[in-house]
Amino acid sequence: MPITLEQSEDISVLRLEGAIDIASAAELKKLFIQAFASGHDVRVEMDGATDLDVTAVQLLWAARREAKVSGVEFALTGEVPEAVTSALRQAGFTKLAATMDGSLVSGVASCHQ
């Protein structure tokens, strides 16, 4: 499965593997809902993602907005493949792409700003 969710007492971690596209969008949305329902901070590990289509990008953007509204921290972590940041830029999500670029340096890109 390209998306998994692990929850602990204080954090929810979604791991993305391979191409995240329309075929996995419903699962990604379901897991985001589950993660935010816990009330814990949410991390999305991007290391294994090889490609994101516009549907996946929209879900990441919506999750970032939900985190802001919910008052939880939302972060993208790990080495983000250039193909992923490029897809974000092409879709017009330059701020989110810039955040991901920063994750290459720090290891955690907080989106709770």
PDB file of N, CA and C in Angstrom:
ATOM      1  N   MET A   1       0.845  -1.178   0.000  1.00  0.00           N
ATOM      2  CA  MET A   1       0.000   0.000   0.000  1.00  0.00           C
ATOM      3  C   MET A   1       0.891   1.241   0.000  1.00  0.00           C
ATOM      4  N   PRO A   2       0.561   2.253  -0.832  1.00  0.00           N
ATOM      5  CA  PRO A   2       1.423   3.423  -0.931  1.00  0.00           C
ATOM      6  C   PRO A   2       1.315   4.403   0.246  1.00  0.00           C
ATOM      7  N   ILE A   3       0.306   4.259   1.107  1.00  0.00           N
ATOM      8  CA  ILE A   3       0.120   5.180   2.221  1.00  0.00           C
ATOM      9  C   ILE A   3      -0.164   4.381   3.489  1.00  0.00           C
ATOM     10  N   THR A   4       0.569   4.695   4.550  1.00  0.00           N
ATOM     11  CA  THR A   4       0.306   4.059   5.836  1.00  0.00           C
ATOM     12  C   THR A   4       0.203   5.142   6.904  1.00  0.00           C
ATOM     13  N   LEU A   5      -0.501   4.815   7.983  1.00  0.00           N
ATOM     14  CA  LEU A   5      -0.654   5.726   9.113  1.00  0.00           C
ATOM     15  C   LEU A   5      -0.239   5.003  10.370  1.00  0.00           C
ATOM     16  N   GLU A   6       0.657   5.629  11.127  1.00  0.00           N
ATOM     17  CA  GLU A   6       1.047   5.126  12.442  1.00  0.00           C
ATOM     18  C   GLU A   6       0.729   6.216  13.450  1.00  0.00           C
ATOM     19  N   GLN A   7       0.055   5.829  14.533  1.00  0.00           N
ATOM     20  CA  GLN A   7      -0.306   6.802  15.558  1.00  0.00           C
ATOM     21  C   GLN A   7       0.284   6.397  16.899  1.00  0.00           C
ATOM     22  N   SER A   8       0.802   7.390  17.608  1.00  0.00           N
ATOM     23  CA  SER A   8       1.281   7.168  18.964  1.00  0.00           C
ATOM     24  C   SER A   8       0.490   8.104  19.878  1.00  0.00           C
ATOM     25  N   GLU A   9       0.934   8.225  21.104  1.00  0.00           N
ATOM     26  CA  GLU A   9       0.207   9.058  22.063  1.00  0.00           C
ATOM     27  C   GLU A   9       0.249  10.541  21.726  1.00  0.00           C
ATOM     28  N   ASP A  10       1.249  10.987  20.950  1.00  0.00           N
ATOM     29  CA  ASP A  10       1.367  12.413  20.702  1.00  0.00           C
ATOM     30  C   ASP A  10       1.558  12.818  19.244  1.00  0.00           C
ATOM     31  N   ILE A  11       1.575  11.853  18.332  1.00  0.00           N
ATOM     32  CA  ILE A  11       1.823  12.186  16.929  1.00  0.00           C
ATOM     33  C   ILE A  11       1.203  11.143  16.000  1.00  0.00           C
ATOM     34  N   SER A  12       0.787  11.625  14.835  1.00  0.00           N
ATOM     35  CA  SER A  12       0.309  10.748  13.764  1.00  0.00           C
ATOM     36  C   SER A  12       1.273  10.908  12.596  1.00  0.00           C
ATOM     37  N   VAL A  13       1.756   9.789  12.055  1.00  0.00           N
ATOM     38  CA  VAL A  13       2.717   9.824  10.966  1.00  0.00           C
ATOM     39  C   VAL A  13       2.146   9.090   9.752  1.00  0.00           C
ATOM     40  N   LEU A  14       2.014   9.829   8.651  1.00  0.00           N
ATOM     41  CA  LEU A  14       1.617   9.223   7.383  1.00  0.00           C
ATOM     42  C   LEU A  14       2.870   9.030   6.555  1.00  0.00           C
ATOM     43  N   ARG A  15       3.030   7.844   6.001  1.00  0.00           N
ATOM     44  CA  ARG A  15       4.177   7.551   5.135  1.00  0.00           C
ATOM     45  C   ARG A  15       3.667   7.352   3.710  1.00  0.00           C
ATOM     46  N   LEU A  16       4.271   8.107   2.788  1.00  0.00           N
ATOM     47  CA  LEU A  16       3.893   8.009   1.385  1.00  0.00           C
ATOM     48  C   LEU A  16       4.959   7.224   0.644  1.00  0.00           C
ATOM     49  N   GLU A  17       4.528   6.260  -0.152  1.00  0.00           N
ATOM     50  CA  GLU A  17       5.444   5.409  -0.936  1.00  0.00           C
ATOM     51  C   GLU A  17       5.004   5.392  -2.389  1.00  0.00           C
ATOM     52  N   GLY A  18       5.962   5.561  -3.286  1.00  0.00           N
ATOM     53  CA  GLY A  18       5.671   5.465  -4.710  1.00  0.00           C
ATOM     54  C   GLY A  18       4.870   6.642  -5.220  1.00  0.00           C
ATOM     55  N   ALA A  19       4.103   6.402  -6.271  1.00  0.00           N
ATOM     56  CA  ALA A  19       3.283   7.442  -6.882  1.00  0.00           C
ATOM     57  C   ALA A  19       1.978   7.585  -6.104  1.00  0.00           C
ATOM     58  N   ILE A  20       1.711   8.797  -5.653  1.00  0.00           N
ATOM     59  CA  ILE A  20       0.463   9.085  -4.945  1.00  0.00           C
ATOM     60  C   ILE A  20      -0.402   9.853  -5.940  1.00  0.00           C
ATOM     61  N   ASP A  21      -1.481   9.197  -6.366  1.00  0.00           N
ATOM     62  CA  ASP A  21      -2.298   9.768  -7.425  1.00  0.00           C
ATOM     63  C   ASP A  21      -3.775   9.561  -7.141  1.00  0.00           C
ATOM     64  N   ILE A  22      -4.601   9.770  -8.132  1.00  0.00           N
ATOM     65  CA  ILE A  22      -6.048   9.674  -7.981  1.00  0.00           C
ATOM     66  C   ILE A  22      -6.472   8.302  -7.441  1.00  0.00           C
ATOM     67  N   ALA A  23      -5.735   7.267  -7.786  1.00  0.00           N
ATOM     68  CA  ALA A  23      -6.078   5.921  -7.329  1.00  0.00           C
ATOM     69  C   ALA A  23      -5.922   5.769  -5.815  1.00  0.00           C
ATOM     70  N   SER A  24      -5.040   6.565  -5.210  1.00  0.00           N
ATOM     71  CA  SER A  24      -4.829   6.465  -3.766  1.00  0.00           C
ATOM     72  C   SER A  24      -5.399   7.664  -3.008  1.00  0.00           C
ATOM     73  N   ALA A  25      -6.074   8.572  -3.710  1.00  0.00           N
ATOM     74  CA  ALA A  25      -6.587   9.792  -3.088  1.00  0.00           C
ATOM     75  C   ALA A  25      -7.600   9.520  -1.983  1.00  0.00           C
ATOM     76  N   ALA A  26      -8.517   8.604  -2.204  1.00  0.00           N
ATOM     77  CA  ALA A  26      -9.529   8.313  -1.181  1.00  0.00           C
ATOM     78  C   ALA A  26      -8.881   7.773   0.090  1.00  0.00           C
ATOM     79  N   GLU A  27      -7.881   6.922  -0.062  1.00  0.00           N
ATOM     80  CA  GLU A  27      -7.175   6.374   1.098  1.00  0.00           C
ATOM     81  C   GLU A  27      -6.402   7.470   1.830  1.00  0.00           C
ATOM     82  N   LEU A  28      -5.740   8.355   1.084  1.00  0.00           N
ATOM     83  CA  LEU A  28      -4.994   9.455   1.698  1.00  0.00           C
ATOM     84  C   LEU A  28      -5.940  10.361   2.471  1.00  0.00           C
ATOM     85  N   LYS A  29      -7.069  10.700   1.881  1.00  0.00           N
ATOM     86  CA  LYS A  29      -8.050  11.549   2.556  1.00  0.00           C
ATOM     87  C   LYS A  29      -8.548  10.881   3.836  1.00  0.00           C
ATOM     88  N   LYS A  30      -8.876   9.601   3.755  1.00  0.00           N
ATOM     89  CA  LYS A  30      -9.364   8.861   4.923  1.00  0.00           C
ATOM     90  C   LYS A  30      -8.333   8.874   6.050  1.00  0.00           C
ATOM     91  N   LEU A  31      -7.072   8.659   5.703  1.00  0.00           N
ATOM     92  CA  LEU A  31      -6.025   8.625   6.720  1.00  0.00           C
ATOM     93  C   LEU A  31      -5.750  10.009   7.298  1.00  0.00           C
ATOM     94  N   PHE A  32      -5.867  11.061   6.488  1.00  0.00           N
ATOM     95  CA  PHE A  32      -5.740  12.412   7.024  1.00  0.00           C
ATOM     96  C   PHE A  32      -6.860  12.698   8.026  1.00  0.00           C
ATOM     97  N   ILE A  33      -8.073  12.328   7.693  1.00  0.00           N
ATOM     98  CA  ILE A  33      -9.205  12.531   8.597  1.00  0.00           C
ATOM     99  C   ILE A  33      -8.962  11.801   9.918  1.00  0.00           C
ATOM    100  N   GLN A  34      -8.511  10.572   9.816  1.00  0.00           N
ATOM    101  CA  GLN A  34      -8.199   9.766  11.001  1.00  0.00           C
ATOM    102  C   GLN A  34      -7.086  10.421  11.833  1.00  0.00           C
ATOM    103  N   ALA A  35      -6.058  10.905  11.169  1.00  0.00           N
ATOM    104  CA  ALA A  35      -4.930  11.535  11.861  1.00  0.00           C
ATOM    105  C   ALA A  35      -5.377  12.802  12.585  1.00  0.00           C
ATOM    106  N   PHE A  36      -6.145  13.643  11.928  1.00  0.00           N
ATOM    107  CA  PHE A  36      -6.590  14.878  12.568  1.00  0.00           C
ATOM    108  C   PHE A  36      -7.610  14.627  13.668  1.00  0.00           C
ATOM    109  N   ALA A  37      -8.380  13.562  13.550  1.00  0.00           N
ATOM    110  CA  ALA A  37      -9.359  13.230  14.587  1.00  0.00           C
ATOM    111  C   ALA A  37      -8.681  12.913  15.918  1.00  0.00           C
ATOM    112  N   SER A  38      -7.425  12.483  15.875  1.00  0.00           N
ATOM    113  CA  SER A  38      -6.705  12.155  17.101  1.00  0.00           C
ATOM    114  C   SER A  38      -6.345  13.403  17.901  1.00  0.00           C
ATOM    115  N   GLY A  39      -6.302  14.557  17.224  1.00  0.00           N
ATOM    116  CA  GLY A  39      -5.926  15.793  17.889  1.00  0.00           C
ATOM    117  C   GLY A  39      -4.432  15.962  18.073  1.00  0.00           C
ATOM    118  N   HIS A  40      -3.656  15.018  17.554  1.00  0.00           N
ATOM    119  CA  HIS A  40      -2.204  15.072  17.683  1.00  0.00           C
ATOM    120  C   HIS A  40      -1.570  15.747  16.473  1.00  0.00           C
ATOM    121  N   ASP A  41      -0.301  16.133  16.632  1.00  0.00           N
ATOM    122  CA  ASP A  41       0.457  16.680  15.513  1.00  0.00           C
ATOM    123  C   ASP A  41       0.525  15.638  14.396  1.00  0.00           C
ATOM    124  N   VAL A  42       0.601  16.122  13.166  1.00  0.00           N
ATOM    125  CA  VAL A  42       0.609  15.241  11.997  1.00  0.00           C
ATOM    126  C   VAL A  42       1.903  15.461  11.214  1.00  0.00           C
ATOM    127  N   ARG A  43       2.572  14.365  10.896  1.00  0.00           N
ATOM    128  CA  ARG A  43       3.782  14.380  10.074  1.00  0.00           C
ATOM    129  C   ARG A  43       3.515  13.533   8.828  1.00  0.00           C
ATOM    130  N   VAL A  44       4.024  14.011   7.716  1.00  0.00           N
ATOM    131  CA  VAL A  44       3.925  13.256   6.469  1.00  0.00           C
ATOM    132  C   VAL A  44       5.348  12.978   6.007  1.00  0.00           C
ATOM    133  N   GLU A  45       5.727  11.716   6.014  1.00  0.00           N
ATOM    134  CA  GLU A  45       7.062  11.315   5.565  1.00  0.00           C
ATOM    135  C   GLU A  45       7.041  11.177   4.054  1.00  0.00           C
ATOM    136  N   MET A  46       7.865  12.001   3.405  1.00  0.00           N
ATOM    137  CA  MET A  46       7.876  12.090   1.952  1.00  0.00           C
ATOM    138  C   MET A  46       8.988  11.284   1.291  1.00  0.00           C
ATOM    139  N   ASP A  47       9.890  10.704   2.071  1.00  0.00           N
ATOM    140  CA  ASP A  47      11.061  10.004   1.529  1.00  0.00           C
ATOM    141  C   ASP A  47      10.728   9.036   0.400  1.00  0.00           C
ATOM    142  N   GLY A  48       9.678   8.260   0.576  1.00  0.00           N
ATOM    143  CA  GLY A  48       9.370   7.209  -0.380  1.00  0.00           C
ATOM    144  C   GLY A  48       8.492   7.625  -1.536  1.00  0.00           C
ATOM    145  N   ALA A  49       7.999   8.872  -1.515  1.00  0.00           N
ATOM    146  CA  ALA A  49       7.132   9.333  -2.600  1.00  0.00           C
ATOM    147  C   ALA A  49       7.957   9.594  -3.852  1.00  0.00           C
ATOM    148  N   THR A  50       7.505   9.055  -4.956  1.00  0.00           N
ATOM    149  CA  THR A  50       8.214   9.271  -6.214  1.00  0.00           C
ATOM    150  C   THR A  50       7.500  10.267  -7.107  1.00  0.00           C
ATOM    151  N   ASP A  51       6.178  10.431  -6.888  1.00  0.00           N
ATOM    152  CA  ASP A  51       5.405  11.348  -7.715  1.00  0.00           C
ATOM    153  C   ASP A  51       4.101  11.671  -7.005  1.00  0.00           C
ATOM    154  N   LEU A  52       3.635  12.899  -7.171  1.00  0.00           N
ATOM    155  CA  LEU A  52       2.329  13.314  -6.658  1.00  0.00           C
ATOM    156  C   LEU A  52       1.549  13.909  -7.815  1.00  0.00           C
ATOM    157  N   ASP A  53       0.303  13.486  -7.975  1.00  0.00           N
ATOM    158  CA  ASP A  53      -0.514  14.146  -8.982  1.00  0.00           C
ATOM    159  C   ASP A  53      -1.256  15.295  -8.319  1.00  0.00           C
ATOM    160  N   VAL A  54      -2.019  16.038  -9.086  1.00  0.00           N
ATOM    161  CA  VAL A  54      -2.690  17.224  -8.566  1.00  0.00           C
ATOM    162  C   VAL A  54      -3.665  16.875  -7.437  1.00  0.00           C
ATOM    163  N   THR A  55      -4.274  15.710  -7.476  1.00  0.00           N
ATOM    164  CA  THR A  55      -5.186  15.291  -6.414  1.00  0.00           C
ATOM    165  C   THR A  55      -4.446  15.167  -5.085  1.00  0.00           C
ATOM    166  N   ALA A  56      -3.291  14.537  -5.105  1.00  0.00           N
ATOM    167  CA  ALA A  56      -2.486  14.379  -3.887  1.00  0.00           C
ATOM    168  C   ALA A  56      -2.005  15.738  -3.380  1.00  0.00           C
ATOM    169  N   VAL A  57      -1.621  16.605  -4.297  1.00  0.00           N
ATOM    170  CA  VAL A  57      -1.168  17.946  -3.921  1.00  0.00           C
ATOM    171  C   VAL A  57      -2.300  18.707  -3.237  1.00  0.00           C
ATOM    172  N   GLN A  58      -3.494  18.619  -3.794  1.00  0.00           N
ATOM    173  CA  GLN A  58      -4.644  19.292  -3.202  1.00  0.00           C
ATOM    174  C   GLN A  58      -4.934  18.751  -1.804  1.00  0.00           C
ATOM    175  N   LEU A  59      -4.783  17.456  -1.606  1.00  0.00           N
ATOM    176  CA  LEU A  59      -5.012  16.874  -0.286  1.00  0.00           C
ATOM    177  C   LEU A  59      -3.959  17.328   0.721  1.00  0.00           C
ATOM    178  N   LEU A  60      -2.706  17.451   0.296  1.00  0.00           N
ATOM    179  CA  LEU A  60      -1.669  17.977   1.185  1.00  0.00           C
ATOM    180  C   LEU A  60      -1.980  19.424   1.565  1.00  0.00           C
ATOM    181  N   TRP A  61      -2.408  20.204   0.597  1.00  0.00           N
ATOM    182  CA  TRP A  61      -2.739  21.596   0.865  1.00  0.00           C
ATOM    183  C   TRP A  61      -3.927  21.683   1.833  1.00  0.00           C
ATOM    184  N   ALA A  62      -4.945  20.857   1.602  1.00  0.00           N
ATOM    185  CA  ALA A  62      -6.114  20.847   2.486  1.00  0.00           C
ATOM    186  C   ALA A  62      -5.728  20.411   3.902  1.00  0.00           C
ATOM    187  N   ALA A  63      -4.815  19.444   3.997  1.00  0.00           N
ATOM    188  CA  ALA A  63      -4.358  18.989   5.316  1.00  0.00           C
ATOM    189  C   ALA A  63      -3.615  20.107   6.036  1.00  0.00           C
ATOM    190  N   ARG A  64      -2.819  20.844   5.304  1.00  0.00           N
ATOM    191  CA  ARG A  64      -2.101  21.974   5.892  1.00  0.00           C
ATOM    192  C   ARG A  64      -3.085  22.998   6.438  1.00  0.00           C
ATOM    193  N   ARG A  65      -4.120  23.293   5.682  1.00  0.00           N
ATOM    194  CA  ARG A  65      -5.144  24.251   6.133  1.00  0.00           C
ATOM    195  C   ARG A  65      -5.904  23.716   7.336  1.00  0.00           C
ATOM    196  N   GLU A  66      -6.236  22.431   7.331  1.00  0.00           N
ATOM    197  CA  GLU A  66      -6.944  21.818   8.454  1.00  0.00           C
ATOM    198  C   GLU A  66      -6.109  21.891   9.724  1.00  0.00           C
ATOM    199  N   ALA A  67      -4.821  21.674   9.597  1.00  0.00           N
ATOM    200  CA  ALA A  67      -3.929  21.757  10.761  1.00  0.00           C
ATOM    201  C   ALA A  67      -3.972  23.154  11.361  1.00  0.00           C
ATOM    202  N   LYS A  68      -3.942  24.143  10.498  1.00  0.00           N
ATOM    203  CA  LYS A  68      -3.979  25.523  10.966  1.00  0.00           C
ATOM    204  C   LYS A  68      -5.269  25.797  11.735  1.00  0.00           C
ATOM    205  N   VAL A  69      -6.396  25.356  11.181  1.00  0.00           N
ATOM    206  CA  VAL A  69      -7.698  25.548  11.815  1.00  0.00           C
ATOM    207  C   VAL A  69      -7.791  24.761  13.123  1.00  0.00           C
ATOM    208  N   SER A  70      -7.253  23.553  13.125  1.00  0.00           N
ATOM    209  CA  SER A  70      -7.339  22.666  14.297  1.00  0.00           C
ATOM    210  C   SER A  70      -6.329  23.002  15.380  1.00  0.00           C
ATOM    211  N   GLY A  71      -5.335  23.809  15.050  1.00  0.00           N
ATOM    212  CA  GLY A  71      -4.318  24.158  16.036  1.00  0.00           C
ATOM    213  C   GLY A  71      -3.301  23.071  16.296  1.00  0.00           C
ATOM    214  N   VAL A  72      -3.125  22.174  15.328  1.00  0.00           N
ATOM    215  CA  VAL A  72      -2.095  21.137  15.457  1.00  0.00           C
ATOM    216  C   VAL A  72      -0.974  21.438  14.472  1.00  0.00           C
ATOM    217  N   GLU A  73       0.188  20.909  14.761  1.00  0.00           N
ATOM    218  CA  GLU A  73       1.310  21.111  13.856  1.00  0.00           C
ATOM    219  C   GLU A  73       1.248  20.090  12.733  1.00  0.00           C
ATOM    220  N   PHE A  74       1.521  20.557  11.532  1.00  0.00           N
ATOM    221  CA  PHE A  74       1.555  19.710  10.346  1.00  0.00           C
ATOM    222  C   PHE A  74       2.910  19.894   9.702  1.00  0.00           C
ATOM    223  N   ALA A  75       3.616  18.812   9.453  1.00  0.00           N
ATOM    224  CA  ALA A  75       4.947  18.927   8.874  1.00  0.00           C
ATOM    225  C   ALA A  75       5.191  17.851   7.837  1.00  0.00           C
ATOM    226  N   LEU A  76       5.955  18.231   6.831  1.00  0.00           N
ATOM    227  CA  LEU A  76       6.433  17.298   5.826  1.00  0.00           C
ATOM    228  C   LEU A  76       7.869  16.981   6.201  1.00  0.00           C
ATOM    229  N   THR A  77       8.215  15.712   6.233  1.00  0.00           N
ATOM    230  CA  THR A  77       9.545  15.333   6.685  1.00  0.00           C
ATOM    231  C   THR A  77      10.271  14.510   5.641  1.00  0.00           C
ATOM    232  N   GLY A  78      11.576  14.488   5.776  1.00  0.00           N
ATOM    233  CA  GLY A  78      12.411  13.624   4.949  1.00  0.00           C
ATOM    234  C   GLY A  78      12.891  14.277   3.675  1.00  0.00           C
ATOM    235  N   GLU A  79      13.642  13.520   2.947  1.00  0.00           N
ATOM    236  CA  GLU A  79      14.166  13.944   1.648  1.00  0.00           C
ATOM    237  C   GLU A  79      13.026  13.901   0.636  1.00  0.00           C
ATOM    238  N   VAL A  80      12.740  15.035   0.057  1.00  0.00           N
ATOM    239  CA  VAL A  80      11.647  15.115  -0.909  1.00  0.00           C
ATOM    240  C   VAL A  80      12.234  15.056  -2.315  1.00  0.00           C
ATOM    241  N   PRO A  81      11.833  14.063  -3.106  1.00  0.00           N
ATOM    242  CA  PRO A  81      12.362  13.952  -4.468  1.00  0.00           C
ATOM    243  C   PRO A  81      12.055  15.196  -5.300  1.00  0.00           C
ATOM    244  N   GLU A  82      12.977  15.574  -6.149  1.00  0.00           N
ATOM    245  CA  GLU A  82      12.807  16.752  -7.006  1.00  0.00           C
ATOM    246  C   GLU A  82      11.548  16.634  -7.851  1.00  0.00           C
ATOM    247  N   ALA A  83      11.189  15.441  -8.290  1.00  0.00           N
ATOM    248  CA  ALA A  83       9.978  15.268  -9.098  1.00  0.00           C
ATOM    249  C   ALA A  83       8.736  15.724  -8.334  1.00  0.00           C
ATOM    250  N   VAL A  84       8.743  15.524  -7.021  1.00  0.00           N
ATOM    251  CA  VAL A  84       7.599  15.921  -6.196  1.00  0.00           C
ATOM    252  C   VAL A  84       7.543  17.443  -6.062  1.00  0.00           C
ATOM    253  N   THR A  85       8.663  18.086  -5.724  1.00  0.00           N
ATOM    254  CA  THR A  85       8.651  19.546  -5.595  1.00  0.00           C
ATOM    255  C   THR A  85       8.373  20.210  -6.943  1.00  0.00           C
ATOM    256  N   SER A  86       8.850  19.617  -8.002  1.00  0.00           N
ATOM    257  CA  SER A  86       8.591  20.141  -9.339  1.00  0.00           C
ATOM    258  C   SER A  86       7.096  20.066  -9.661  1.00  0.00           C
ATOM    259  N   ALA A  87       6.459  18.950  -9.317  1.00  0.00           N
ATOM    260  CA  ALA A  87       5.018  18.798  -9.547  1.00  0.00           C
ATOM    261  C   ALA A  87       4.234  19.851  -8.769  1.00  0.00           C
ATOM    262  N   LEU A  88       4.678  20.150  -7.547  1.00  0.00           N
ATOM    263  CA  LEU A  88       4.007  21.167  -6.744  1.00  0.00           C
ATOM    264  C   LEU A  88       4.137  22.549  -7.387  1.00  0.00           C
ATOM    265  N   ARG A  89       5.318  22.862  -7.830  1.00  0.00           N
ATOM    266  CA  ARG A  89       5.529  24.167  -8.477  1.00  0.00           C
ATOM    267  C   ARG A  89       4.670  24.286  -9.742  1.00  0.00           C
ATOM    268  N   GLN A  90       4.645  23.229 -10.543  1.00  0.00           N
ATOM    269  CA  GLN A  90       3.879  23.259 -11.790  1.00  0.00           C
ATOM    270  C   GLN A  90       2.383  23.398 -11.535  1.00  0.00           C
ATOM    271  N   ALA A  91       1.921  22.873 -10.393  1.00  0.00           N
ATOM    272  CA  ALA A  91       0.502  22.960 -10.051  1.00  0.00           C
ATOM    273  C   ALA A  91       0.164  24.294  -9.379  1.00  0.00           C
ATOM    274  N   GLY A  92       1.179  25.146  -9.168  1.00  0.00           N
ATOM    275  CA  GLY A  92       0.934  26.453  -8.579  1.00  0.00           C
ATOM    276  C   GLY A  92       1.069  26.502  -7.067  1.00  0.00           C
ATOM    277  N   PHE A  93       1.549  25.425  -6.455  1.00  0.00           N
ATOM    278  CA  PHE A  93       1.699  25.368  -5.006  1.00  0.00           C
ATOM    279  C   PHE A  93       3.146  25.707  -4.624  1.00  0.00           C
ATOM    280  N   THR A  94       3.578  26.902  -5.002  1.00  0.00           N
ATOM    281  CA  THR A  94       4.975  27.274  -4.795  1.00  0.00           C
ATOM    282  C   THR A  94       5.342  27.379  -3.321  1.00  0.00           C
ATOM    283  N   LYS A  95       4.413  27.854  -2.474  1.00  0.00           N
ATOM    284  CA  LYS A  95       4.718  27.977  -1.038  1.00  0.00           C
ATOM    285  C   LYS A  95       4.934  26.594  -0.418  1.00  0.00           C
ATOM    286  N   LEU A  96       4.080  25.651  -0.759  1.00  0.00           N
ATOM    287  CA  LEU A  96       4.240  24.296  -0.242  1.00  0.00           C
ATOM    288  C   LEU A  96       5.513  23.665  -0.792  1.00  0.00           C
ATOM    289  N   ALA A  97       5.825  23.906  -2.053  1.00  0.00           N
ATOM    290  CA  ALA A  97       7.058  23.376  -2.641  1.00  0.00           C
ATOM    291  C   ALA A  97       8.274  23.955  -1.945  1.00  0.00           C
ATOM    292  N   ALA A  98       8.237  25.260  -1.637  1.00  0.00           N
ATOM    293  CA  ALA A  98       9.355  25.895  -0.932  1.00  0.00           C
ATOM    294  C   ALA A  98       9.530  25.287   0.445  1.00  0.00           C
ATOM    295  N   THR A  99       8.429  24.970   1.104  1.00  0.00           N
ATOM    296  CA  THR A  99       8.483  24.322   2.409  1.00  0.00           C
ATOM    297  C   THR A  99       9.150  22.964   2.287  1.00  0.00           C
ATOM    298  N   MET A 100       8.825  22.238   1.243  1.00  0.00           N
ATOM    299  CA  MET A 100       9.426  20.928   1.036  1.00  0.00           C
ATOM    300  C   MET A 100      10.915  21.055   0.739  1.00  0.00           C
ATOM    301  N   ASP A 101      11.291  22.068  -0.041  1.00  0.00           N
ATOM    302  CA  ASP A 101      12.707  22.284  -0.309  1.00  0.00           C
ATOM    303  C   ASP A 101      13.457  22.487   0.989  1.00  0.00           C
ATOM    304  N   GLY A 102      12.855  23.200   1.934  1.00  0.00           N
ATOM    305  CA  GLY A 102      13.485  23.430   3.231  1.00  0.00           C
ATOM    306  C   GLY A 102      13.657  22.152   4.017  1.00  0.00           C
ATOM    307  N   SER A 103      12.816  21.155   3.751  1.00  0.00           N
ATOM    308  CA  SER A 103      12.916  19.904   4.500  1.00  0.00           C
ATOM    309  C   SER A 103      14.205  19.161   4.183  1.00  0.00           C
ATOM    310  N   LEU A 104      14.789  19.451   3.019  1.00  0.00           N
ATOM    311  CA  LEU A 104      16.041  18.794   2.672  1.00  0.00           C
ATOM    312  C   LEU A 104      17.161  19.224   3.614  1.00  0.00           C
ATOM    313  N   VAL A 105      17.062  20.430   4.136  1.00  0.00           N
ATOM    314  CA  VAL A 105      18.088  20.948   5.034  1.00  0.00           C
ATOM    315  C   VAL A 105      17.802  20.542   6.467  1.00  0.00           C
ATOM    316  N   SER A 106      16.566  20.735   6.922  1.00  0.00           N
ATOM    317  CA  SER A 106      16.279  20.560   8.331  1.00  0.00           C
ATOM    318  C   SER A 106      15.765  19.186   8.696  1.00  0.00           C
ATOM    319  N   GLY A 107      15.239  18.445   7.728  1.00  0.00           N
ATOM    320  CA  GLY A 107      14.651  17.153   8.039  1.00  0.00           C
ATOM    321  C   GLY A 107      13.179  17.247   8.384  1.00  0.00           C
ATOM    322  N   VAL A 108      12.713  18.424   8.858  1.00  0.00           N
ATOM    323  CA  VAL A 108      11.303  18.632   9.148  1.00  0.00           C
ATOM    324  C   VAL A 108      10.889  19.988   8.585  1.00  0.00           C
ATOM    325  N   ALA A 109       9.870  19.987   7.790  1.00  0.00           N
ATOM    326  CA  ALA A 109       9.362  21.238   7.234  1.00  0.00           C
ATOM    327  C   ALA A 109       8.010  21.536   7.867  1.00  0.00           C
ATOM    328  N   SER A 110       7.992  22.445   8.792  1.00  0.00           N
ATOM    329  CA  SER A 110       6.744  22.775   9.480  1.00  0.00           C
ATOM    330  C   SER A 110       5.860  23.610   8.578  1.00  0.00           C
ATOM    331  N   CYS A 111       4.603  23.263   8.550  1.00  0.00           N
ATOM    332  CA  CYS A 111       3.627  24.003   7.747  1.00  0.00           C
ATOM    333  C   CYS A 111       2.616  24.699   8.645  1.00  0.00           C
ATOM    334  N   HIS A 112       2.937  24.867   9.909  1.00  0.00           N
ATOM    335  CA  HIS A 112       1.998  25.436  10.871  1.00  0.00           C
ATOM    336  C   HIS A 112       2.245  26.936  11.034  1.00  0.00           C
ATOM    337  N   GLN A 113       2.438  27.642   9.964  1.00  0.00           N
ATOM    338  CA  GLN A 113       2.723  29.072  10.043  1.00  0.00           C
ATOM    339  C   GLN A 113       1.533  29.867   9.611  1.00  0.00           C
TER     340      GLN A 113
END
